[in-house]
Protein backbone atom coordinates (compact mmCIF):
# COMPACT_ATOMS: atom_id res chain seq x y z
CA UNK A 1 -58.23 -20.00 -40.96
CA UNK A 2 -56.06 -21.55 -38.21
CA UNK A 3 -53.71 -18.48 -38.24
CA UNK A 4 -57.17 -16.19 -37.85
CA UNK A 5 -58.13 -18.31 -34.58
CA UNK A 6 -54.44 -18.18 -33.19
CA UNK A 7 -54.76 -14.11 -34.01
CA UNK A 8 -58.24 -13.90 -31.97
CA UNK A 9 -57.23 -16.06 -29.30
CA UNK A 10 -53.72 -13.87 -28.59
CA UNK A 11 -55.84 -10.87 -28.96
CA UNK A 12 -58.71 -11.66 -26.60
CA UNK A 13 -55.94 -12.85 -24.19
CA UNK A 14 -54.50 -9.05 -24.33
CA UNK A 15 -57.58 -7.36 -23.59
CA UNK A 16 -58.72 -9.70 -20.69
CA UNK A 17 -55.22 -9.16 -18.97
CA UNK A 18 -54.42 -5.76 -19.92
CA UNK A 19 -57.82 -3.68 -20.04
CA UNK A 20 -57.70 -1.06 -17.15
CA UNK A 21 -61.24 -1.25 -15.21
CA UNK A 22 -62.75 1.01 -12.87
CA UNK A 23 -60.94 4.25 -13.46
CA UNK A 24 -62.23 7.05 -11.87
CA UNK A 25 -62.85 10.55 -13.39
CA UNK A 26 -59.77 13.16 -13.58
CA UNK A 27 -61.85 15.29 -10.77
CA UNK A 28 -62.19 12.43 -8.68
CA UNK A 29 -58.47 11.86 -9.09
CA UNK A 30 -57.63 15.34 -8.17
CA UNK A 31 -59.71 15.18 -4.76
CA UNK A 32 -57.96 11.90 -3.69
CA UNK A 33 -55.61 12.41 -0.67
CA UNK A 34 -56.07 8.97 0.94
CA UNK A 35 -55.82 5.45 -0.28
CA UNK A 36 -57.32 2.57 1.46
CA UNK A 37 -56.57 -0.86 0.05
CA UNK A 38 -57.82 -4.15 1.04
CA UNK A 39 -56.41 -7.32 -0.73
CA UNK A 40 -57.37 -10.80 0.07
CA UNK A 41 -55.96 -14.03 -1.32
CA UNK A 42 -54.41 -12.23 -4.19
CA UNK A 43 -51.14 -10.79 -5.44
CA UNK A 44 -51.23 -6.91 -6.06
CA UNK A 45 -48.44 -4.49 -7.38
CA UNK A 46 -48.80 -0.58 -6.62
CA UNK A 47 -47.72 1.18 -9.49
CA UNK A 48 -47.13 5.19 -9.92
CA UNK A 49 -48.34 6.68 -13.36
CA UNK A 50 -47.99 9.93 -14.91
CA UNK A 51 -51.78 9.47 -16.08
CA UNK A 52 -54.55 11.70 -13.71
CA UNK A 53 -56.37 8.56 -13.56
CA UNK A 54 -56.60 5.38 -11.08
CA UNK A 55 -56.61 2.42 -13.53
CA UNK A 56 -56.59 -1.58 -12.95
CA UNK A 57 -54.89 -4.56 -14.87
CA UNK A 58 -55.96 -7.76 -14.13
CA UNK A 59 -57.28 -11.00 -15.06
CA UNK A 60 -60.95 -11.26 -14.54
CA UNK A 61 -61.26 -14.93 -14.44
CA UNK A 62 -59.03 -14.50 -11.23
CA UNK A 63 -59.85 -11.32 -9.51
CA UNK A 64 -62.60 -8.92 -8.40
CA UNK A 65 -61.61 -5.27 -8.32
CA UNK A 66 -63.88 -2.61 -6.62
CA UNK A 67 -63.08 0.79 -6.18
CA UNK A 68 -65.44 3.82 -4.58
CA UNK A 69 -64.39 7.49 -3.44
CA UNK A 70 -65.70 9.09 -0.18
CA UNK A 71 -64.73 12.23 0.17
CA UNK A 72 -61.09 12.68 -0.10
CA UNK A 73 -60.31 8.90 0.25
CA UNK A 74 -60.25 6.40 -2.47
CA UNK A 75 -61.39 2.72 -1.19
CA UNK A 76 -60.10 -0.39 -3.45
CA UNK A 77 -61.02 -3.58 -2.45
CA UNK A 78 -58.95 -6.62 -4.59
CA UNK A 79 -60.03 -10.34 -4.01
CA UNK A 80 -58.98 -13.77 -5.62
CA UNK A 81 -61.55 -15.86 -7.00
CA UNK A 82 -59.81 -19.27 -6.36
CA UNK A 83 -58.35 -20.43 -3.18
CA UNK A 84 -54.91 -19.95 -4.39
CA UNK A 85 -53.46 -17.63 -7.21
CA UNK A 86 -49.79 -18.50 -8.63
CA UNK A 87 -46.93 -15.86 -7.98
CA UNK A 88 -47.07 -14.57 -11.79
CA UNK A 89 -50.51 -13.71 -11.28
CA UNK A 90 -51.55 -10.28 -9.78
CA UNK A 91 -53.35 -7.14 -10.21
CA UNK A 92 -51.81 -3.99 -10.88
CA UNK A 93 -53.09 -0.77 -9.50
CA UNK A 94 -51.91 2.42 -10.85
CA UNK A 95 -52.08 5.57 -8.98
CA UNK A 96 -51.35 9.21 -10.11
CA UNK A 97 -48.06 10.42 -9.44
CA UNK A 98 -49.06 13.02 -6.81
CA UNK A 99 -48.78 13.66 -2.59
CA UNK A 100 -51.14 11.82 -0.67
CA UNK A 101 -51.60 12.21 3.13
CA UNK A 102 -52.32 8.69 3.96
CA UNK A 103 -52.13 5.15 2.13
CA UNK A 104 -53.84 2.30 4.42
CA UNK A 105 -53.17 -1.45 3.54
CA UNK A 106 -55.22 -4.38 4.80
CA UNK A 107 -54.12 -7.48 3.84
CA UNK A 108 -55.15 -11.03 4.30
CA UNK A 109 -53.43 -14.16 2.46
CA UNK A 110 -51.83 -11.91 0.10
CA UNK A 111 -48.99 -10.10 -1.38
CA UNK A 112 -48.68 -6.25 -1.82
CA UNK A 113 -45.58 -4.16 -2.90
CA UNK A 114 -45.53 -0.69 -2.57
CA UNK A 115 -43.43 1.81 -4.63
CA UNK A 116 -41.48 5.04 -3.22
CA UNK A 117 -43.92 7.11 -1.82
CA UNK A 118 -43.23 10.07 0.50
CA UNK A 119 -46.56 9.66 2.54
CA UNK A 120 -47.80 8.03 5.77
CA UNK A 121 -48.25 4.30 5.77
CA UNK A 122 -50.33 2.08 7.71
CA UNK A 123 -49.93 -1.51 6.48
CA UNK A 124 -51.50 -4.71 8.16
CA UNK A 125 -51.29 -8.08 7.18
CA UNK A 126 -52.64 -11.29 8.65
CA UNK A 127 -52.54 -15.26 7.75
CA UNK A 128 -49.32 -15.54 5.59
CA UNK A 129 -49.44 -11.99 3.57
CA UNK A 130 -46.32 -10.92 2.14
CA UNK A 131 -45.82 -7.06 2.17
CA UNK A 132 -43.10 -4.95 0.60
CA UNK A 133 -42.47 -1.43 1.21
CA UNK A 134 -39.77 1.05 -0.49
CA UNK A 135 -38.52 4.07 1.41
CA UNK A 136 -37.36 6.95 -0.84
CA UNK A 137 -34.41 9.60 -0.79
CA UNK A 138 -35.97 12.60 1.62
CA UNK A 139 -38.53 10.44 3.40
CA UNK A 140 -40.43 12.58 6.29
CA UNK A 141 -43.39 10.86 7.04
CA UNK A 142 -44.31 7.71 9.44
CA UNK A 143 -44.86 4.02 8.48
CA UNK A 144 -46.49 1.80 10.78
CA UNK A 145 -46.41 -1.89 9.71
CA UNK A 146 -48.07 -5.08 11.26
CA UNK A 147 -47.65 -8.58 10.16
CA UNK A 148 -48.70 -11.60 11.81
CA UNK A 149 -48.13 -14.96 10.54
CA UNK A 150 -46.71 -13.59 7.18
CA UNK A 151 -43.35 -12.15 5.77
CA UNK A 152 -42.12 -8.99 4.37
CA UNK A 153 -39.59 -6.23 3.48
CA UNK A 154 -38.34 -2.62 3.91
CA UNK A 155 -35.73 -1.58 1.54
CA UNK A 156 -34.00 1.94 1.76
CA UNK A 157 -33.24 3.65 -1.46
CA UNK A 158 -29.35 4.63 -2.07
CA UNK A 159 -29.18 8.01 0.04
CA UNK A 160 -31.87 7.71 1.92
CA UNK A 161 -31.38 9.32 5.56
CA UNK A 162 -32.84 10.74 8.70
CA UNK A 163 -35.28 7.97 10.18
CA UNK A 164 -35.97 5.94 13.12
CA UNK A 165 -36.67 2.36 12.96
CA UNK A 166 -38.25 0.25 15.41
CA UNK A 167 -39.10 -3.29 15.47
CA UNK A 168 -40.61 -5.47 18.24
CA UNK A 169 -41.07 -9.28 17.61
CA UNK A 170 -42.56 -11.90 19.23
CA UNK A 171 -41.45 -15.41 17.69
CA UNK A 172 -40.48 -13.82 14.42
CA UNK A 173 -37.07 -13.45 12.24
CA UNK A 174 -35.21 -10.21 11.09
CA UNK A 175 -32.53 -9.60 8.90
CA UNK A 176 -31.15 -6.21 8.99
CA UNK A 177 -28.42 -4.13 6.82
CA UNK A 178 -24.67 -4.65 7.58
CA UNK A 179 -23.35 -2.50 10.55
CA UNK A 180 -26.77 -2.11 11.95
CA UNK A 181 -27.00 -3.55 15.76
CA UNK A 182 -27.35 -7.00 15.85
CA UNK A 183 -30.75 -8.31 16.18
CA UNK A 184 -31.80 -10.46 19.39
CA UNK A 185 -35.10 -12.10 19.23
CA UNK A 186 -38.26 -11.23 21.42
CA UNK A 187 -36.50 -7.97 22.36
CA UNK A 188 -37.61 -4.26 20.85
CA UNK A 189 -35.01 -3.30 18.10
CA UNK A 190 -33.91 0.41 17.56
CA UNK A 191 -31.87 1.77 14.75
CA UNK A 192 -31.77 5.68 14.17
CA UNK A 193 -30.17 7.22 11.28
CA UNK A 194 -28.93 10.87 11.07
CA UNK A 195 -31.64 13.00 12.56
CA UNK A 196 -33.97 10.19 12.81
CA UNK A 197 -36.80 12.29 11.36
CA UNK A 198 -38.92 9.30 9.92
CA UNK A 199 -40.62 7.08 11.88
CA UNK A 200 -40.95 3.41 11.13
CA UNK A 201 -42.54 1.23 13.28
CA UNK A 202 -42.71 -2.63 12.40
CA UNK A 203 -44.59 -5.04 14.95
CA UNK A 204 -44.03 -8.84 13.92
CA UNK A 205 -45.76 -11.97 15.34
CA UNK A 206 -44.78 -15.38 14.22
CA UNK A 207 -43.45 -13.36 10.89
CA UNK A 208 -40.01 -13.18 8.65
CA UNK A 209 -38.83 -9.96 7.97
CA UNK A 210 -35.95 -8.35 6.19
CA UNK A 211 -34.69 -4.69 6.04
CA UNK A 212 -32.31 -3.60 3.14
CA UNK A 213 -30.52 -0.41 2.64
CA UNK A 214 -29.23 0.26 -0.89
CA UNK A 215 -25.59 1.56 -1.15
């Protein structure tokens, strides 16, 4: 009897943590060209999936997740229910692996991690938000990243090339890869790799940010 109770507890916990919620239909997913993500007081990881639907894995006792489709844009909002959530508690958003025109992220007191995506990115964070971006090989779009009183990172995959990085800082710290020009506080930082085709614009205020280039 005791063993049966234990199995029930484990099974219930698995269903709560792992059940995809709010999945859109195949037709809706195929129509999506833009993603607009709002994250408030939570940790979010965006993951690419071979499935044709958007899906969400999270603990319903800690978060609320809503998604709506308007035209070619899917709007996803993730909110933490408590004042503080542990670093290991997070919402996993699975997005179909396809081409998108633009992904917009608005983060407030949240941690957001994005996968490698060859798409235009507009990312804004405030009040302690920590946002990480990965740049794939062959990236040819534009990234606009703005963070106030937060932290974040930008990581170039091995072999990534032909990009221009511009960083404007106010009372912020910036770490750059070895061999890049020296960062001087409160001055606009510029670095061009190859033809500089991809444009990456970063604005920081009272924030800490690191740039890494995998070798």
